[in-house]
Protein backbone atom coordinates (compact mmCIF):
# COMPACT_ATOMS: atom_id res chain seq x y z
CA MET A 1 -10.98 -12.22 38.37
CA ARG A 2 -8.27 -14.34 36.75
CA LYS A 3 -5.99 -15.80 39.43
CA ASN A 4 -2.18 -15.67 39.29
CA ARG A 5 -2.23 -13.15 36.46
CA THR A 6 1.18 -12.34 35.03
CA ALA A 7 2.62 -8.87 35.29
CA PRO A 8 0.82 -6.44 32.95
CA GLN A 9 2.42 -6.13 29.53
CA HIS A 10 1.83 -3.48 26.89
CA THR A 11 -0.03 -4.82 23.86
CA GLU A 12 -0.49 -3.25 20.46
CA PHE A 13 -4.28 -3.62 20.56
CA SER A 14 -6.89 -0.96 21.27
CA MET A 15 -10.29 -1.81 22.71
CA LEU A 16 -13.66 -0.08 23.11
CA VAL A 17 -16.04 -1.27 25.86
CA LEU A 18 -19.73 -0.43 25.35
CA ASP A 19 -22.32 -1.02 28.09
CA ASP A 20 -25.13 1.20 29.40
CA ASP A 21 -24.01 0.14 32.90
CA GLU A 22 -21.28 2.65 33.77
CA LEU A 23 -19.93 0.48 36.59
CA MET A 24 -19.43 -2.45 34.19
CA THR A 25 -17.51 -0.35 31.65
CA LEU A 26 -15.26 1.10 34.35
CA THR A 27 -14.60 -2.37 35.77
CA LEU A 28 -13.69 -3.82 32.37
CA GLN A 29 -11.52 -0.81 31.57
CA SER A 30 -9.57 -1.23 34.79
CA TYR A 31 -9.19 -4.98 34.28
CA PHE A 32 -7.90 -4.87 30.70
CA GLN A 33 -5.73 -1.80 31.19
CA ALA A 34 -3.97 -3.82 33.85
CA SER A 35 -3.26 -6.39 31.13
CA GLY A 36 -1.69 -3.75 28.92
CA TYR A 37 -4.56 -3.00 26.52
CA ARG A 38 -5.49 0.52 25.46
CA VAL A 39 -9.12 0.72 26.59
CA ASP A 40 -11.78 3.38 25.95
CA ILE A 41 -15.31 3.14 27.37
CA GLU A 42 -18.70 4.30 26.15
CA ASN A 43 -22.24 4.07 27.59
CA ASP A 44 -24.18 5.41 24.60
CA PRO A 45 -24.55 2.95 21.66
CA TYR A 46 -24.84 5.70 19.04
CA ALA A 47 -21.77 7.50 20.40
CA ALA A 48 -19.88 4.19 20.29
CA ILE A 49 -20.76 3.73 16.61
CA ARG A 50 -19.43 7.20 15.85
CA ARG A 51 -16.21 6.53 17.78
CA ILE A 52 -15.58 3.32 15.87
CA ARG A 53 -16.27 5.07 12.55
CA ASP A 54 -13.83 7.87 13.39
CA GLY A 55 -11.29 5.91 15.46
CA ASN A 56 -9.05 2.91 15.04
CA TYR A 57 -10.11 0.08 17.37
CA ASP A 58 -9.15 -3.59 17.11
CA ILE A 59 -11.64 -5.14 19.56
CA LEU A 60 -15.15 -4.20 20.73
CA LEU A 61 -16.75 -5.55 23.90
CA LEU A 62 -20.43 -4.67 24.04
CA ASP A 63 -23.52 -5.54 26.04
CA PHE A 64 -26.44 -7.21 24.26
CA LEU A 65 -29.35 -5.66 26.16
CA MET A 66 -28.99 -1.87 26.05
CA THR A 67 -31.10 1.19 25.40
CA PRO A 68 -32.01 2.78 23.06
CA ILE A 69 -30.75 -0.06 20.79
CA CYS A 70 -29.48 -3.56 21.54
CA GLY A 71 -26.01 -4.92 20.84
CA ASP A 72 -26.94 -6.82 17.68
CA GLN A 73 -28.30 -3.60 16.16
CA VAL A 74 -25.06 -1.82 17.05
CA VAL A 75 -23.06 -4.56 15.32
CA GLU A 76 -25.30 -4.41 12.25
CA GLU A 77 -24.57 -0.67 11.94
CA ILE A 78 -20.84 -1.17 12.43
CA ARG A 79 -20.58 -3.97 9.85
CA GLN A 80 -21.81 -1.59 7.18
CA PHE A 81 -18.50 0.29 7.31
CA ASN A 82 -16.07 -1.94 9.24
CA GLN A 83 -15.55 -5.66 8.50
CA ASP A 84 -12.26 -6.03 10.38
CA LEU A 85 -13.30 -5.17 13.95
CA PHE A 86 -13.28 -8.18 16.31
CA ILE A 87 -16.46 -8.19 18.42
CA ILE A 88 -17.34 -10.01 21.65
CA LEU A 89 -20.94 -9.79 22.87
CA LEU A 90 -21.60 -9.62 26.62
CA THR A 91 -24.83 -11.09 28.01
CA GLY A 92 -26.39 -11.11 31.44
CA HIS A 93 -27.47 -14.70 30.90
CA LYS A 94 -26.88 -17.25 28.14
CA SER A 95 -30.63 -17.41 27.44
CA MET A 96 -30.55 -13.71 26.58
CA ALA A 97 -27.92 -14.13 23.84
CA PRO A 98 -29.05 -13.73 20.22
CA PRO A 99 -29.46 -16.89 18.08
CA ILE A 100 -26.27 -18.49 16.80
CA LYS A 101 -27.43 -17.69 13.24
CA THR A 102 -27.45 -13.97 14.08
CA ILE A 103 -23.99 -14.19 15.63
CA ARG A 104 -22.63 -15.82 12.46
CA GLU A 105 -24.37 -13.41 10.09
CA LEU A 106 -22.99 -10.38 11.97
CA ASP A 107 -19.50 -11.96 12.14
CA ILE A 108 -19.37 -11.76 15.96
CA GLN A 109 -16.32 -13.62 17.25
CA GLY A 110 -18.03 -14.84 20.45
CA TYR A 111 -20.11 -13.98 23.47
CA TYR A 112 -19.46 -13.98 27.20
CA GLU A 113 -21.92 -14.50 30.04
CA LYS A 114 -21.27 -11.79 32.62
CA SER A 115 -19.98 -12.81 36.05
CA ASP A 116 -17.65 -11.49 38.72
CA ARG A 117 -14.78 -13.38 37.05
CA PHE A 118 -13.29 -12.37 33.70
CA ASP A 119 -11.11 -15.44 33.05
CA GLN A 120 -13.06 -16.67 30.02
CA LEU A 121 -13.48 -13.15 28.67
CA GLU A 122 -9.75 -12.52 28.87
CA LEU A 123 -9.09 -15.75 26.97
CA LEU A 124 -11.56 -14.66 24.28
CA VAL A 125 -9.81 -11.30 23.98
CA GLU A 126 -6.40 -12.99 23.78
CA SER A 127 -7.75 -15.26 21.01
CA CYS A 128 -8.91 -12.16 19.11
CA GLY A 129 -5.44 -10.70 19.48
CA LYS A 130 -3.83 -13.81 18.00
CA SER A 131 -6.24 -13.70 15.05
CA ILE A 132 -5.53 -10.00 14.49
CA ARG A 133 -1.80 -10.68 14.41
CA GLN A 134 -2.30 -13.50 11.92
CA MET A 135 -4.43 -11.31 9.64
CA ASP A 136 -1.80 -8.55 9.87
CA VAL A 137 0.84 -11.05 8.75
CA ILE A 138 -1.37 -12.20 5.86
CA ARG A 139 -1.99 -8.61 4.73
CA SER A 140 1.69 -7.72 5.03
CA TYR A 141 2.70 -10.82 3.07
CA GLN A 142 0.07 -10.03 0.45
CA SER A 143 1.32 -6.44 0.22
CA GLY A 144 4.89 -7.66 -0.17
CA LEU A 145 3.95 -10.07 -2.94
CA ARG A 146 2.01 -7.33 -4.74
CA SER A 147 4.98 -4.96 -4.43
CA MET A 148 7.26 -7.66 -5.82
CA LEU A 149 4.87 -8.34 -8.71
CA GLU A 150 4.72 -4.65 -9.60
CA ALA A 151 8.53 -4.46 -9.65
CA MET A 152 9.08 -7.41 -12.00
CA PRO A 153 8.13 -5.74 -15.34
CA LEU A 154 10.49 -2.83 -14.56
CA LEU A 155 13.38 -5.05 -13.47
CA TYR A 156 13.09 -7.26 -16.54
CA SER A 157 12.82 -4.27 -18.89
CA LEU A 158 16.03 -2.58 -17.67
CA ARG A 159 19.36 -3.52 -19.26
CA ASN A 160 21.87 -1.34 -17.34
CA PHE A 161 23.09 -3.01 -14.16
CA ASN A 162 23.28 0.19 -12.13
CA GLU A 163 19.71 1.14 -13.14
CA ILE A 164 18.52 -2.32 -12.09
CA ALA A 165 20.32 -2.01 -8.75
CA ALA A 166 18.73 1.39 -8.05
CA ALA A 167 15.26 -0.02 -8.86
CA ILE A 168 15.94 -3.06 -6.67
CA VAL A 169 16.89 -0.92 -3.66
CA GLU A 170 13.92 1.40 -4.09
CA ARG A 171 11.50 -1.55 -4.01
CA LEU A 172 13.44 -3.32 -1.25
CA ASN A 173 12.97 -0.45 1.19
CA CYS A 174 9.20 -0.71 0.72
CA LEU A 175 9.17 -4.50 0.80
CA ALA A 176 11.05 -4.96 4.09
CA ASN A 177 9.92 -1.69 5.72
CA CYS A 178 13.54 -1.25 6.77
CA ARG A 179 15.81 1.60 7.76
CA GLU A 180 18.10 0.98 4.81
CA GLY A 181 18.27 -1.44 1.90
CA PHE A 182 21.25 -2.13 -0.35
CA VAL A 183 22.45 -4.49 -3.07
CA TYR A 184 26.03 -5.58 -3.65
CA VAL A 185 27.12 -7.38 -6.83
CA ASP A 186 30.49 -8.85 -7.73
CA SER A 187 30.45 -8.14 -11.47
CA THR A 188 33.48 -10.36 -12.08
CA ARG A 189 31.14 -13.36 -11.62
CA PHE A 190 29.30 -12.40 -14.85
CA THR A 191 31.60 -13.58 -17.64
CA ALA A 192 31.57 -14.64 -21.29
CA ASP A 193 34.33 -16.88 -22.62
CA GLY A 194 36.07 -16.41 -19.27
CA ALA A 195 36.11 -12.60 -19.43
CA PRO A 196 33.93 -10.13 -17.46
CA ILE A 197 31.12 -8.60 -19.50
CA MET A 198 30.94 -5.33 -17.53
CA SER A 199 33.48 -2.57 -17.07
CA GLU A 200 32.91 -2.25 -13.31
CA GLU A 201 34.46 -5.08 -11.31
CA ARG A 202 32.00 -4.62 -8.43
CA PHE A 203 29.26 -2.21 -7.56
CA LEU A 204 27.27 -1.31 -4.47
CA CYS A 205 23.94 0.54 -4.50
CA PHE A 206 22.48 1.88 -1.27
CA ASP A 207 20.16 4.64 -0.09
CA SER A 208 21.36 5.88 3.27
CA LYS A 209 22.87 8.98 4.84
CA GLU A 210 24.88 6.70 7.10
CA GLY A 211 27.27 5.81 4.30
CA PRO A 212 28.20 2.37 2.87
CA PRO A 213 26.99 -0.55 5.00
CA MET A 214 30.42 -2.28 4.92
CA LYS A 215 33.96 -1.80 3.74
CA GLU A 216 34.96 -3.31 0.38
CA GLU A 217 36.92 -6.18 1.93
CA ASP A 218 34.08 -6.89 4.37
CA LEU A 219 31.55 -7.08 1.50
CA LEU A 220 33.62 -9.72 -0.28
CA SER A 221 34.15 -11.61 2.96
CA HIS A 222 30.43 -11.55 3.77
CA MET A 223 29.62 -13.03 0.34
CA ARG A 224 31.52 -16.17 1.33
CA THR A 225 29.37 -16.59 4.45
CA LEU A 226 26.23 -16.80 2.26
CA GLU A 227 27.28 -19.97 0.42
CA GLY A 228 24.51 -22.54 0.86
CA VAL A 229 22.24 -20.45 3.13
CA PRO A 230 18.93 -18.75 2.16
CA PHE A 231 19.60 -15.69 4.32
CA HIS A 232 21.83 -14.48 7.14
CA GLN A 233 20.72 -12.38 10.11
CA GLN A 234 23.09 -10.89 12.65
CA GLY A 235 22.25 -8.01 14.97
CA TYR A 236 20.25 -5.48 12.97
CA LEU A 237 21.49 -6.63 9.54
CA ALA A 238 19.85 -9.30 7.36
CA THR A 239 21.21 -10.43 3.99
CA ALA A 240 20.07 -12.86 1.28
CA PRO A 241 22.40 -14.21 -1.46
CA LEU A 242 22.02 -13.53 -5.18
CA LEU A 243 22.62 -16.81 -7.00
CA ASP A 244 23.43 -17.22 -10.69
CA GLU A 245 22.01 -20.09 -12.74
CA GLY A 246 24.88 -22.31 -11.58
CA GLY A 247 24.09 -21.69 -7.91
CA GLN A 248 27.15 -19.48 -7.35
CA VAL A 249 26.82 -16.39 -5.13
CA THR A 250 27.21 -13.24 -7.24
CA GLY A 251 26.23 -10.73 -4.56
CA PHE A 252 23.59 -10.16 -1.95
CA LEU A 253 20.64 -8.04 -0.87
CA GLY A 254 20.86 -6.47 2.56
CA VAL A 255 18.58 -4.59 4.92
CA ARG A 256 19.36 -2.76 8.13
CA PHE A 257 16.46 -2.47 10.55
CA ASP A 258 15.50 -1.14 13.94
CA LYS A 259 13.99 -4.39 15.24
CA PRO A 260 14.38 -8.06 14.22
CA LEU A 261 12.58 -9.06 11.03
CA LYS A 262 9.66 -11.45 11.28
CA ASP A 263 9.72 -14.86 9.57
CA TYR A 264 7.47 -13.75 6.70
CA GLN A 265 9.73 -10.72 6.06
CA LEU A 266 12.76 -13.01 5.81
CA GLN A 267 10.84 -15.24 3.38
CA LEU A 268 9.94 -12.22 1.25
CA LEU A 269 13.58 -11.11 1.30
CA GLU A 270 14.69 -14.57 0.13
CA LEU A 271 12.08 -14.66 -2.66
CA TYR A 272 12.94 -11.12 -3.75
CA ALA A 273 16.64 -12.04 -3.84
CA ARG A 274 15.86 -14.90 -6.24
CA GLN A 275 13.86 -12.54 -8.47
CA THR A 276 16.61 -9.92 -8.25
CA ALA A 277 19.24 -12.46 -9.23
CA ALA A 278 17.08 -13.53 -12.16
CA ALA A 279 16.69 -9.89 -13.26
CA LEU A 280 20.45 -9.32 -13.06
CA ASP A 281 21.12 -12.51 -14.99
CA ASN A 282 18.53 -11.42 -17.54
CA ALA A 283 20.34 -8.08 -17.99
CA ALA A 284 23.67 -9.85 -18.39
CA LEU A 285 22.24 -12.17 -21.01
CA HIS A 286 20.79 -9.28 -22.98
CA PHE A 287 24.17 -7.58 -22.82
CA LEU A 288 25.67 -10.66 -24.43
CA LEU A 289 22.93 -10.76 -27.07
CA ASN A 290 24.17 -7.46 -28.42
CA ARG A 291 27.47 -9.20 -29.18
CA LYS A 292 26.37 -12.79 -29.77
CA ASN A 293 22.97 -13.32 -31.28
CA GLN A 294 23.32 -17.07 -30.80
CA GLU A 295 22.79 -16.58 -27.02
CA LEU A 296 19.11 -15.73 -27.63
CA THR A 297 17.96 -19.20 -26.62
CA SER A 298 19.82 -18.94 -23.32
CA ALA A 299 18.13 -15.60 -22.56
CA TYR A 300 14.68 -17.09 -22.99
CA ASP A 301 15.65 -20.08 -20.88
CA LYS A 302 16.54 -17.72 -18.05
CA LEU A 303 13.19 -16.00 -18.30
CA ARG A 304 11.54 -19.41 -18.11
CA ASP A 305 13.51 -20.17 -14.94
CA SER A 306 11.69 -17.36 -13.14
CA TYR A 307 8.29 -18.28 -14.61
CA LEU A 308 7.26 -20.63 -11.80
CA GLU A 309 8.35 -18.11 -9.16
CA ILE A 310 6.08 -15.47 -10.70
CA VAL A 311 3.24 -18.00 -11.03
CA SER A 312 3.50 -18.92 -7.34
CA ALA A 313 3.65 -15.31 -6.13
CA MET A 314 0.70 -14.17 -8.24
CA ARG A 315 -1.52 -17.10 -7.26
CA LEU A 316 -0.78 -16.47 -3.56
CA ILE A 317 -1.95 -12.87 -4.00
CA VAL A 318 -5.29 -14.00 -5.43
CA ASP A 319 -5.86 -16.57 -2.65
CA ALA A 320 -4.82 -14.20 0.13
CA LYS A 321 -7.28 -11.58 -1.13
CA ASP A 322 -10.29 -13.57 0.05
CA ILE A 323 -9.82 -16.47 2.47
CA TYR A 324 -13.42 -17.63 1.74
CA THR A 325 -12.59 -18.47 -1.91
CA ARG A 326 -9.22 -20.02 -1.20
CA GLY A 327 -8.33 -22.62 -3.85
CA HIS A 328 -10.97 -21.41 -6.34
CA SER A 329 -8.42 -20.64 -9.07
CA ASP A 330 -6.71 -24.01 -8.59
CA ARG A 331 -9.99 -25.86 -9.00
CA VAL A 332 -11.05 -23.82 -12.05
CA SER A 333 -7.65 -24.57 -13.57
CA TYR A 334 -8.09 -28.28 -12.88
CA TYR A 335 -11.63 -28.49 -14.29
CA ALA A 336 -10.70 -26.46 -17.38
CA HIS A 337 -7.67 -28.64 -18.04
CA ARG A 338 -9.78 -31.80 -17.77
CA ILE A 339 -12.31 -30.34 -20.23
CA ALA A 340 -9.58 -29.41 -22.73
CA MET A 341 -8.10 -32.91 -22.57
CA ALA A 342 -11.54 -34.49 -23.01
CA MET A 343 -12.01 -32.31 -26.12
CA GLY A 344 -8.81 -33.80 -27.56
CA ARG A 345 -6.88 -30.53 -27.68
CA ASP A 346 -3.09 -30.60 -28.03
CA GLU A 347 -0.64 -30.30 -25.14
CA GLU A 348 0.09 -26.59 -25.71
CA PHE A 349 -3.63 -25.72 -25.76
CA CYS A 350 -4.20 -27.68 -22.53
CA ARG A 351 -1.26 -25.93 -20.85
CA ARG A 352 -2.64 -22.56 -21.91
CA VAL A 353 -6.07 -23.39 -20.46
CA ARG A 354 -4.54 -24.63 -17.21
CA VAL A 355 -2.46 -21.45 -16.69
CA ALA A 356 -5.35 -19.18 -17.73
CA GLY A 357 -7.54 -20.93 -15.16
CA LEU A 358 -5.03 -20.10 -12.43
CA PHE A 359 -5.03 -16.42 -13.36
CA HIS A 360 -8.59 -15.83 -14.57
CA ASP A 361 -9.45 -13.77 -11.46
CA ILE A 362 -6.10 -11.95 -11.05
CA GLY A 363 -7.89 -8.68 -11.90
CA LYS A 364 -9.72 -8.84 -8.56
CA ILE A 365 -6.49 -7.72 -6.86
CA GLY A 366 -7.44 -4.13 -7.66
CA ILE A 367 -11.01 -4.35 -6.31
CA ALA A 368 -11.63 -2.83 -2.87
CA ASP A 369 -12.31 -5.33 -0.05
CA ASP A 370 -15.56 -3.62 0.94
CA ILE A 371 -16.96 -4.56 -2.49
CA LEU A 372 -15.27 -7.92 -3.06
CA LEU A 373 -16.02 -9.22 0.45
CA SER A 374 -19.45 -7.62 0.83
CA ARG A 375 -22.09 -9.75 2.53
CA GLU A 376 -24.87 -7.56 1.15
CA ARG A 377 -26.41 -7.45 -2.31
CA LEU A 378 -24.17 -5.30 -4.50
CA THR A 379 -25.44 -1.98 -5.83
CA PRO A 380 -25.37 -1.48 -9.63
CA GLU A 381 -22.32 0.77 -9.20
CA GLN A 382 -20.50 -1.87 -7.12
CA PHE A 383 -21.36 -4.62 -9.59
CA GLN A 384 -19.98 -2.44 -12.37
CA VAL A 385 -16.66 -2.35 -10.49
CA ILE A 386 -16.71 -6.17 -10.16
CA MET A 387 -17.32 -6.43 -13.92
CA GLU A 388 -14.06 -4.61 -14.55
CA HIS A 389 -11.89 -7.46 -13.23
CA PRO A 390 -11.45 -9.24 -16.60
CA GLN A 391 -10.02 -6.05 -18.17
CA ASN A 392 -7.92 -5.46 -15.03
CA GLY A 393 -6.50 -8.97 -15.28
CA HIS A 394 -5.77 -8.43 -18.97
CA GLU A 395 -3.81 -5.25 -18.15
CA ILE A 396 -1.85 -6.84 -15.29
CA LEU A 397 -0.76 -9.88 -17.30
CA SER A 398 -0.05 -7.95 -20.51
CA ALA A 399 2.98 -6.41 -18.78
CA ILE A 400 4.68 -9.84 -18.77
CA SER A 401 5.32 -11.34 -22.21
CA LEU A 402 5.23 -14.91 -20.86
CA PHE A 403 1.50 -14.53 -20.18
CA ARG A 404 0.40 -12.95 -23.46
CA ASP A 405 -0.92 -16.22 -24.89
CA ILE A 406 -3.51 -16.46 -22.07
CA LEU A 407 -4.74 -12.85 -22.30
CA PRO A 408 -7.84 -13.63 -24.45
CA ALA A 409 -8.97 -16.34 -22.02
CA VAL A 410 -8.53 -14.08 -18.98
CA ARG A 411 -10.27 -11.13 -20.64
CA ASN A 412 -13.27 -13.04 -22.01
CA HIS A 413 -14.04 -15.71 -19.38
CA HIS A 414 -17.26 -13.85 -18.42
CA GLU A 415 -18.61 -13.64 -21.98
CA ARG A 416 -21.88 -15.51 -22.58
CA TYR A 417 -22.60 -17.72 -25.55
CA SER A 418 -25.71 -15.62 -26.22
CA GLY A 419 -23.70 -12.38 -26.36
CA ARG A 420 -24.98 -10.93 -23.07
CA GLY A 421 -21.71 -11.28 -21.17
CA TYR A 422 -18.86 -8.83 -20.56
CA PRO A 423 -16.57 -7.00 -21.20
CA ASP A 424 -16.85 -7.20 -25.01
CA GLY A 425 -20.28 -8.76 -25.59
CA LEU A 426 -18.85 -11.51 -27.82
CA THR A 427 -21.07 -14.34 -29.07
CA GLN A 428 -20.65 -18.06 -29.78
CA GLU A 429 -17.42 -18.94 -31.64
CA SER A 430 -16.19 -15.34 -31.56
CA ILE A 431 -15.45 -16.01 -27.87
CA PRO A 432 -11.98 -17.63 -27.59
CA GLU A 433 -12.36 -21.36 -26.99
CA GLU A 434 -10.14 -21.22 -23.89
CA ALA A 435 -12.45 -18.56 -22.43
CA ARG A 436 -15.55 -20.66 -23.17
CA ILE A 437 -13.96 -23.60 -21.33
CA ILE A 438 -13.00 -21.50 -18.28
CA ALA A 439 -16.51 -19.96 -18.18
CA VAL A 440 -18.00 -23.43 -17.60
CA ALA A 441 -15.37 -24.45 -15.03
CA ASP A 442 -15.62 -21.11 -13.20
CA ALA A 443 -19.42 -21.22 -12.97
CA PHE A 444 -19.43 -24.80 -11.67
CA ASP A 445 -16.88 -24.12 -8.92
CA ALA A 446 -18.68 -20.93 -7.89
CA MET A 447 -21.94 -22.86 -7.56
CA THR A 448 -20.37 -25.70 -5.55
CA SER A 449 -18.39 -23.49 -3.14
CA ASP A 450 -19.56 -21.63 -0.04
CA ARG A 451 -19.50 -17.86 -0.52
CA HIS A 452 -20.09 -14.86 1.78
CA TYR A 453 -23.61 -14.42 0.48
CA ARG A 454 -24.89 -18.00 0.06
CA PRO A 455 -24.10 -21.66 0.79
CA LYS A 456 -22.86 -23.99 -1.94
CA LEU A 457 -25.25 -25.89 -4.19
CA LYS A 458 -25.44 -29.65 -4.21
CA LEU A 459 -23.78 -31.41 -7.15
CA GLU A 460 -27.09 -32.40 -8.76
CA LYS A 461 -28.39 -28.82 -8.61
CA ALA A 462 -25.16 -27.42 -10.06
CA MET A 463 -25.31 -29.92 -12.94
CA GLU A 464 -28.92 -28.94 -13.56
CA GLU A 465 -27.88 -25.28 -13.78
CA LEU A 466 -25.14 -26.16 -16.28
CA GLU A 467 -27.68 -28.03 -18.40
CA ASN A 468 -30.11 -25.10 -18.26
CA GLY A 469 -27.36 -22.71 -19.36
CA ARG A 470 -26.33 -24.65 -22.47
CA GLY A 471 -26.64 -22.49 -25.55
CA THR A 472 -27.34 -19.30 -23.56
CA GLN A 473 -24.66 -18.80 -20.93
CA PHE A 474 -22.38 -21.68 -21.96
CA ASP A 475 -21.05 -23.24 -25.14
CA PRO A 476 -23.45 -26.20 -25.47
CA GLU A 477 -20.80 -28.73 -26.53
CA ILE A 478 -18.29 -27.72 -23.83
CA ALA A 479 -21.01 -27.87 -21.17
CA ARG A 480 -22.06 -31.31 -22.43
CA ILE A 481 -18.50 -32.64 -22.21
CA PHE A 482 -18.09 -31.31 -18.68
CA LEU A 483 -21.40 -32.82 -17.58
CA GLU A 484 -20.12 -36.18 -18.83
CA LEU A 485 -16.93 -35.73 -16.79
CA LEU A 486 -18.97 -34.86 -13.70
CA LYS A 487 -20.57 -38.29 -13.74
CA ASP A 488 -17.30 -39.40 -12.13
CA TYR A 489 -17.15 -36.42 -9.76
CA PRO A 490 -15.99 -38.42 -6.69
CA ALA A 491 -12.83 -39.41 -8.57
CA MET A 492 -12.27 -35.78 -9.60
CA GLU A 493 -12.66 -34.64 -5.98
CA ALA A 494 -10.20 -37.28 -4.84
CA GLU A 495 -7.65 -36.11 -7.41
CA LEU A 496 -8.18 -32.49 -6.38
CA ALA A 497 -7.63 -33.42 -2.73
CA TRP A 498 -4.18 -34.79 -3.59
CA THR A 499 -3.04 -32.13 -6.04
CA HIS A 500 -4.81 -28.88 -5.14
CA LEU A 501 -5.73 -26.68 -2.18
CA PRO A 502 -8.86 -27.56 -0.19
CA ARG A 503 -12.04 -25.55 -0.52
CA GLY A 504 -11.76 -22.37 1.53
CA SER A 505 -13.76 -21.66 4.63
CA ALA A 506 -13.77 -19.05 7.34
CA SER A 507 -11.68 -21.30 9.56
CA ASP A 508 -8.93 -21.95 7.03
CA SER A 509 -5.46 -20.63 7.79
CA ILE A 510 -2.90 -19.44 5.29
CA ASP A 511 0.56 -20.89 5.77
CA ILE A 512 3.28 -18.28 5.48
């Protein structure tokens, strides 16, 4: 047993222990319940599979040598319907453990050689717990970014300040998972020629049966405390300032909660406040446009100010979707941009190719993880779902006018020069040139990156595949130009290392 163990603490994790030795399961249950885990036990492998299918377990401890089936067979069955379960294999002796290749293929987090001491096993379980918490943070951050992305078209389409505030609060409650969200705006800060542009001097929008979060004088006083800070947290209230284009505080978002917010929730609140402020500024500018048409340029400038924020949020969603392909969109964007420059295209064309490369796979957001992250050969029905991602990306980006010039490239980057691609079956020059460029860059990075289902190809083999695909899969001239660029591939890799994310792997972490 582990010496000098601390007092048992309740943890949020549930565990199933599977072993055909009843004494072993009872011993492990007693040990880990004392550490605060919720522990169930099972001695029948088939019954354990059913319990995992029907239940909600975080960690599985199971014996390797069992009857009627061994532990690796149990894991193989489980991985067909559950990819998230953390699994530790127990063995009577290290020599009895399955090969390391099998452990990797079945995504087993580790194995433990049985003894009368559980120190190492407890450390393995604690490590699983830390990984589960990290993945929960990643998923929550991803969900928050997606929620924010979905809100942007609505916020930018509304012109009435009170309608915008109501939409902001509705999304804020989902984003922060809070007891109450509210937005306060000092309308006197929005002026034209020194005069307010709205009839209401100030307005507060909240959704709570508890009444207003603060008195009028306290709201104004709190605004002054937000000068120069990204957010403020005191007790069970967190607030983030709304800044106009001059950096002046015009109001703030607030959330009341039952327990302190985590760091990633505060970061989401800060980012959402910047987007909210941009939406409010956008509404104010459109209000002015009705009276002064000459302010049109200023309105578009404000939209451009939020462009990079949207770019960053959307790219993070794509990368967080699959940790194994982290950085893929950045590299495709880089290769495509290099190709466009080598073709002598103008600056606007090259910019369009670079941005389209970043977002070419944005449509995969809507694809279920059990298909996108499958380690098995896809069925025809599953592959049909995968083939829908170009249209999905087209639909997502079409909601934002700033991205409309890249829609053809996103939609048609899986077309083939021979006409056997998708979704529209276009051929040769009828395929947009930006899409033909991205098709080459995308295929090369896919071939030279590790994936769930196969290791990466060597550079020489990938170049051979590009050559073989000229005139059938790829535009022959674009493929030729890229093959010329690849002759200096070490320099390209060095530049990527300085300016882009590294190639993803199972051990990569995502910084929040």
